[in-house]
PDB file of N, CA and C in Angstrom:
ATOM      1  N   MET A   1      10.034 -17.088   6.843  1.00  0.00           N
ATOM      2  CA  MET A   1       9.892 -17.287   4.979  1.00  0.00           C
ATOM      3  C   MET A   1       8.108 -17.561   4.859  1.00  0.00           C
ATOM      4  N   SER A   2       7.456 -17.884   5.356  1.00  0.00           N
ATOM      5  CA  SER A   2       6.264 -18.276   5.772  1.00  0.00           C
ATOM      6  C   SER A   2       5.705 -17.423   6.063  1.00  0.00           C
ATOM      7  N   ASP A   3       6.440 -16.513   7.420  1.00  0.00           N
ATOM      8  CA  ASP A   3       5.611 -14.703   8.217  1.00  0.00           C
ATOM      9  C   ASP A   3       5.602 -13.295   6.291  1.00  0.00           C
ATOM     10  N   LEU A   4       6.607 -14.034   5.247  1.00  0.00           N
ATOM     11  CA  LEU A   4       6.348 -12.861   4.584  1.00  0.00           C
ATOM     12  C   LEU A   4       6.114 -13.367   3.472  1.00  0.00           C
ATOM     13  N   LEU A   5       5.217 -14.498   3.320  1.00  0.00           N
ATOM     14  CA  LEU A   5       4.401 -14.927   2.182  1.00  0.00           C
ATOM     15  C   LEU A   5       3.035 -14.522   2.698  1.00  0.00           C
ATOM     16  N   ALA A   6       3.082 -14.735   4.003  1.00  0.00           N
ATOM     17  CA  ALA A   6       1.307 -14.655   4.726  1.00  0.00           C
ATOM     18  C   ALA A   6       1.733 -12.924   5.037  1.00  0.00           C
ATOM     19  N   ALA A   7       2.147 -11.871   4.850  1.00  0.00           N
ATOM     20  CA  ALA A   7       1.555 -10.623   4.903  1.00  0.00           C
ATOM     21  C   ALA A   7       2.157 -10.459   3.356  1.00  0.00           C
ATOM     22  N   LEU A   8       2.212 -11.488   2.189  1.00  0.00           N
ATOM     23  CA  LEU A   8       2.366 -10.110   0.498  1.00  0.00           C
ATOM     24  C   LEU A   8       0.772 -10.997   0.434  1.00  0.00           C
ATOM     25  N   CYS A   9      -0.232 -12.328   1.294  1.00  0.00           N
ATOM     26  CA  CYS A   9      -1.236 -12.671   1.154  1.00  0.00           C
ATOM     27  C   CYS A   9      -2.417 -11.990   1.589  1.00  0.00           C
ATOM     28  N   LEU A  10      -1.448 -10.863   2.919  1.00  0.00           N
ATOM     29  CA  LEU A  10      -2.030 -10.054   3.067  1.00  0.00           C
ATOM     30  C   LEU A  10      -2.908  -8.822   2.507  1.00  0.00           C
ATOM     31  N   VAL A  11      -1.618  -8.607   1.471  1.00  0.00           N
ATOM     32  CA  VAL A  11      -1.234  -7.423   0.992  1.00  0.00           C
ATOM     33  C   VAL A  11      -2.450  -7.107  -0.330  1.00  0.00           C
ATOM     34  N   LEU A  12      -2.549  -8.891  -0.846  1.00  0.00           N
ATOM     35  CA  LEU A  12      -3.386  -9.508  -1.736  1.00  0.00           C
ATOM     36  C   LEU A  12      -4.749  -9.061  -1.430  1.00  0.00           C
ATOM     37  N   VAL A  13      -5.266  -9.335  -0.290  1.00  0.00           N
ATOM     38  CA  VAL A  13      -6.670  -9.045  -0.221  1.00  0.00           C
ATOM     39  C   VAL A  13      -6.804  -7.874   0.692  1.00  0.00           C
ATOM     40  N   LEU A  14      -5.902  -6.982   1.087  1.00  0.00           N
ATOM     41  CA  LEU A  14      -6.292  -5.508   1.406  1.00  0.00           C
ATOM     42  C   LEU A  14      -6.732  -4.811  -0.039  1.00  0.00           C
ATOM     43  N   GLU A  15      -5.621  -5.156  -1.061  1.00  0.00           N
ATOM     44  CA  GLU A  15      -6.216  -4.322  -2.386  1.00  0.00           C
ATOM     45  C   GLU A  15      -7.192  -4.965  -2.569  1.00  0.00           C
ATOM     46  N   GLY A  16      -7.899  -6.726  -3.143  1.00  0.00           N
ATOM     47  CA  GLY A  16      -8.391  -7.318  -3.938  1.00  0.00           C
ATOM     48  C   GLY A  16      -9.866  -6.444  -2.992  1.00  0.00           C
ATOM     49  N   LEU A  17     -10.211  -6.315  -1.483  1.00  0.00           N
ATOM     50  CA  LEU A  17     -10.616  -5.278  -1.276  1.00  0.00           C
ATOM     51  C   LEU A  17     -11.589  -4.015  -1.641  1.00  0.00           C
ATOM     52  N   LEU A  18      -9.910  -3.323  -1.252  1.00  0.00           N
ATOM     53  CA  LEU A  18     -10.435  -1.852  -2.663  1.00  0.00           C
ATOM     54  C   LEU A  18     -10.839  -1.928  -3.368  1.00  0.00           C
ATOM     55  N   LEU A  19     -10.996  -2.615  -3.954  1.00  0.00           N
ATOM     56  CA  LEU A  19     -10.966  -2.702  -5.878  1.00  0.00           C
ATOM     57  C   LEU A  19     -12.470  -3.519  -5.743  1.00  0.00           C
ATOM     58  N   LEU A  20     -12.561  -4.600  -4.666  1.00  0.00           N
ATOM     59  CA  LEU A  20     -13.901  -5.089  -4.764  1.00  0.00           C
ATOM     60  C   LEU A  20     -14.780  -3.686  -3.575  1.00  0.00           C
ATOM     61  N   ILE A  21     -14.235  -3.197  -2.835  1.00  0.00           N
ATOM     62  CA  ILE A  21     -16.200  -2.339  -2.359  1.00  0.00           C
ATOM     63  C   ILE A  21     -16.180  -1.279  -2.864  1.00  0.00           C
ATOM     64  N   ALA A  22     -14.533  -0.379  -3.304  1.00  0.00           N
ATOM     65  CA  ALA A  22     -14.123   0.962  -4.206  1.00  0.00           C
ATOM     66  C   ALA A  22     -13.873   1.473  -5.430  1.00  0.00           C
ATOM     67  N   PRO A  23     -14.251   0.439  -6.808  1.00  0.00           N
ATOM     68  CA  PRO A  23     -12.626   0.852  -8.182  1.00  0.00           C
ATOM     69  C   PRO A  23     -13.513   2.210  -8.247  1.00  0.00           C
ATOM     70  N   ASP A  24     -14.011   2.562  -8.325  1.00  0.00           N
ATOM     71  CA  ASP A  24     -13.863   4.200  -8.979  1.00  0.00           C
ATOM     72  C   ASP A  24     -12.748   5.328  -7.655  1.00  0.00           C
ATOM     73  N   ALA A  25     -13.023   4.914  -6.922  1.00  0.00           N
ATOM     74  CA  ALA A  25     -12.214   5.054  -5.705  1.00  0.00           C
ATOM     75  C   ALA A  25     -10.430   5.011  -6.385  1.00  0.00           C
ATOM     76  N   TRP A  26     -10.782   4.043  -6.622  1.00  0.00           N
ATOM     77  CA  TRP A  26      -9.687   3.250  -6.572  1.00  0.00           C
ATOM     78  C   TRP A  26      -9.031   3.933  -8.562  1.00  0.00           C
ATOM     79  N   LYS A  27      -9.592   4.310  -8.906  1.00  0.00           N
ATOM     80  CA  LYS A  27      -9.338   4.313  -9.789  1.00  0.00           C
ATOM     81  C   LYS A  27      -9.095   6.023 -10.235  1.00  0.00           C
ATOM     82  N   ARG A  28      -9.654   6.823  -9.334  1.00  0.00           N
ATOM     83  CA  ARG A  28      -9.885   8.417  -9.296  1.00  0.00           C
ATOM     84  C   ARG A  28      -7.651   8.601  -8.102  1.00  0.00           C
ATOM     85  N   ALA A  29      -8.055   7.367  -7.020  1.00  0.00           N
ATOM     86  CA  ALA A  29      -6.778   7.150  -7.169  1.00  0.00           C
ATOM     87  C   ALA A  29      -5.489   7.355  -7.947  1.00  0.00           C
ATOM     88  N   ALA A  30      -5.452   6.368  -8.404  1.00  0.00           N
ATOM     89  CA  ALA A  30      -4.311   5.828  -9.216  1.00  0.00           C
ATOM     90  C   ALA A  30      -4.780   7.049 -10.801  1.00  0.00           C
ATOM     91  N   GLU A  31      -6.009   7.162 -11.302  1.00  0.00           N
ATOM     92  CA  GLU A  31      -5.425   9.067 -11.761  1.00  0.00           C
ATOM     93  C   GLU A  31      -5.285  10.450 -10.639  1.00  0.00           C
ATOM     94  N   GLN A  32      -4.843  10.639  -9.564  1.00  0.00           N
ATOM     95  CA  GLN A  32      -4.012  11.054  -9.306  1.00  0.00           C
ATOM     96  C   GLN A  32      -2.743  10.917  -9.089  1.00  0.00           C
ATOM     97  N   LEU A  33      -2.667   9.592  -8.791  1.00  0.00           N
ATOM     98  CA  LEU A  33      -1.120   8.526  -8.288  1.00  0.00           C
ATOM     99  C   LEU A  33       0.229   9.368 -10.117  1.00  0.00           C
ATOM    100  N   GLN A  34      -0.728   9.139 -10.965  1.00  0.00           N
ATOM    101  CA  GLN A  34       0.289   9.475 -12.566  1.00  0.00           C
ATOM    102  C   GLN A  34       0.042  10.973 -12.781  1.00  0.00           C
ATOM    103  N   GLN A  35      -0.152  12.071 -11.260  1.00  0.00           N
ATOM    104  CA  GLN A  35       0.012  13.150 -11.770  1.00  0.00           C
ATOM    105  C   GLN A  35       1.386  13.970 -10.932  1.00  0.00           C
ATOM    106  N   LEU A  36       2.155  12.573 -10.427  1.00  0.00           N
ATOM    107  CA  LEU A  36       2.613  13.279  -8.924  1.00  0.00           C
ATOM    108  C   LEU A  36       4.415  13.196  -9.549  1.00  0.00           C
ATOM    109  N   SER A  37       4.958  14.159  -9.294  1.00  0.00           N
ATOM    110  CA  SER A  37       6.666  13.626  -9.944  1.00  0.00           C
ATOM    111  C   SER A  37       6.832  11.867  -9.071  1.00  0.00           C
ATOM    112  N   GLY A  38       8.237  11.201 -10.141  1.00  0.00           N
ATOM    113  CA  GLY A  38       8.556   9.863  -9.754  1.00  0.00           C
ATOM    114  C   GLY A  38       9.476  10.842  -7.917  1.00  0.00           C
ATOM    115  N   ARG A  39       9.805  11.728  -7.638  1.00  0.00           N
ATOM    116  CA  ARG A  39      10.554  11.709  -6.285  1.00  0.00           C
ATOM    117  C   ARG A  39       9.689  12.520  -5.246  1.00  0.00           C
ATOM    118  N   GLN A  40       8.498  12.837  -5.822  1.00  0.00           N
ATOM    119  CA  GLN A  40       6.691  12.921  -4.268  1.00  0.00           C
ATOM    120  C   GLN A  40       6.730  11.366  -4.378  1.00  0.00           C
ATOM    121  N   LEU A  41       6.433  10.670  -5.365  1.00  0.00           N
ATOM    122  CA  LEU A  41       6.118   9.094  -5.260  1.00  0.00           C
ATOM    123  C   LEU A  41       7.162   8.189  -4.469  1.00  0.00           C
ATOM    124  N   ARG A  42       8.629   8.470  -4.424  1.00  0.00           N
ATOM    125  CA  ARG A  42       9.733   8.160  -3.388  1.00  0.00           C
ATOM    126  C   ARG A  42       9.222   8.748  -2.375  1.00  0.00           C
ATOM    127  N   GLN A  43       9.358   9.580  -2.235  1.00  0.00           N
ATOM    128  CA  GLN A  43       9.403  10.796  -1.063  1.00  0.00           C
ATOM    129  C   GLN A  43       7.481   9.105  -0.122  1.00  0.00           C
ATOM    130  N   ILE A  44       6.675   9.432  -0.613  1.00  0.00           N
ATOM    131  CA  ILE A  44       5.894   8.498  -0.121  1.00  0.00           C
ATOM    132  C   ILE A  44       5.527   7.324   0.030  1.00  0.00           C
ATOM    133  N   GLY A  45       6.360   6.721  -1.106  1.00  0.00           N
ATOM    134  CA  GLY A  45       6.895   5.769  -0.446  1.00  0.00           C
ATOM    135  C   GLY A  45       7.872   4.611   0.830  1.00  0.00           C
ATOM    136  N   GLY A  46       8.903   5.943   0.197  1.00  0.00           N
ATOM    137  CA  GLY A  46       9.638   5.731   1.724  1.00  0.00           C
ATOM    138  C   GLY A  46       9.373   6.318   2.971  1.00  0.00           C
ATOM    139  N   VAL A  47       7.643   7.475   3.324  1.00  0.00           N
ATOM    140  CA  VAL A  47       6.593   7.410   3.907  1.00  0.00           C
ATOM    141  C   VAL A  47       6.055   5.805   4.207  1.00  0.00           C
ATOM    142  N   MET A  48       5.822   5.213   3.617  1.00  0.00           N
ATOM    143  CA  MET A  48       4.663   3.755   3.836  1.00  0.00           C
ATOM    144  C   MET A  48       6.140   2.825   3.593  1.00  0.00           C
ATOM    145  N   VAL A  49       7.078   2.867   3.554  1.00  0.00           N
ATOM    146  CA  VAL A  49       7.757   1.974   4.646  1.00  0.00           C
ATOM    147  C   VAL A  49       8.078   2.223   5.824  1.00  0.00           C
ATOM    148  N   LEU A  50       8.363   2.934   6.091  1.00  0.00           N
ATOM    149  CA  LEU A  50       8.632   3.626   7.809  1.00  0.00           C
ATOM    150  C   LEU A  50       7.628   3.465   8.523  1.00  0.00           C
ATOM    151  N   ALA A  51       6.734   3.614   7.750  1.00  0.00           N
ATOM    152  CA  ALA A  51       4.580   3.695   8.572  1.00  0.00           C
ATOM    153  C   ALA A  51       5.510   1.553   9.140  1.00  0.00           C
ATOM    154  N   GLY A  52       5.052   1.855   7.868  1.00  0.00           N
ATOM    155  CA  GLY A  52       4.859  -0.572   8.114  1.00  0.00           C
ATOM    156  C   GLY A  52       5.708  -1.191   9.027  1.00  0.00           C
ATOM    157  N   LEU A  53       6.914  -0.734   8.968  1.00  0.00           N
ATOM    158  CA  LEU A  53       7.768  -1.018  10.274  1.00  0.00           C
ATOM    159  C   LEU A  53       8.209  -0.170  10.956  1.00  0.00           C
ATOM    160  N   LEU A  54       7.774   0.668  11.048  1.00  0.00           N
ATOM    161  CA  LEU A  54       6.951   0.877  12.810  1.00  0.00           C
ATOM    162  C   LEU A  54       5.296   0.218  13.470  1.00  0.00           C
ATOM    163  N   ALA A  55       4.675   0.056  12.184  1.00  0.00           N
ATOM    164  CA  ALA A  55       3.244  -0.959  12.681  1.00  0.00           C
ATOM    165  C   ALA A  55       4.129  -2.118  12.671  1.00  0.00           C
ATOM    166  N   LEU A  56       4.949  -2.724  12.436  1.00  0.00           N
ATOM    167  CA  LEU A  56       5.339  -4.258  13.028  1.00  0.00           C
ATOM    168  C   LEU A  56       5.713  -4.166  14.257  1.00  0.00           C
ATOM    169  N   GLN A  57       6.692  -3.648  14.170  1.00  0.00           N
ATOM    170  CA  GLN A  57       7.063  -3.005  15.550  1.00  0.00           C
ATOM    171  C   GLN A  57       6.313  -3.497  16.848  1.00  0.00           C
ATOM    172  N   LEU A  58       5.071  -2.173  16.021  1.00  0.00           N
ATOM    173  CA  LEU A  58       4.860  -2.173  17.385  1.00  0.00           C
ATOM    174  C   LEU A  58       3.993  -3.480  17.372  1.00  0.00           C
ATOM    175  N   VAL A  59       3.067  -4.502  16.696  1.00  0.00           N
ATOM    176  CA  VAL A  59       2.710  -5.496  16.830  1.00  0.00           C
ATOM    177  C   VAL A  59       3.070  -6.273  17.583  1.00  0.00           C
ATOM    178  N   ARG A  60       4.463  -6.737  17.097  1.00  0.00           N
ATOM    179  CA  ARG A  60       5.134  -8.048  17.831  1.00  0.00           C
ATOM    180  C   ARG A  60       6.046  -7.904  18.422  1.00  0.00           C
TER     181      ARG A  60
END
């Protein structure tokens, strides 16, 4: 459980860094995401989940 909480904290740190360092790029990315269909967003989400699981296996 503590590993999960640590991972969630790191997500917050990374998201915060993006907003801190490049807020305009973050806004543009959010606008571009709104142009995508629900199917495209699901596909991107699925790829991200798979990439994250693969990276986790490589790290551990």
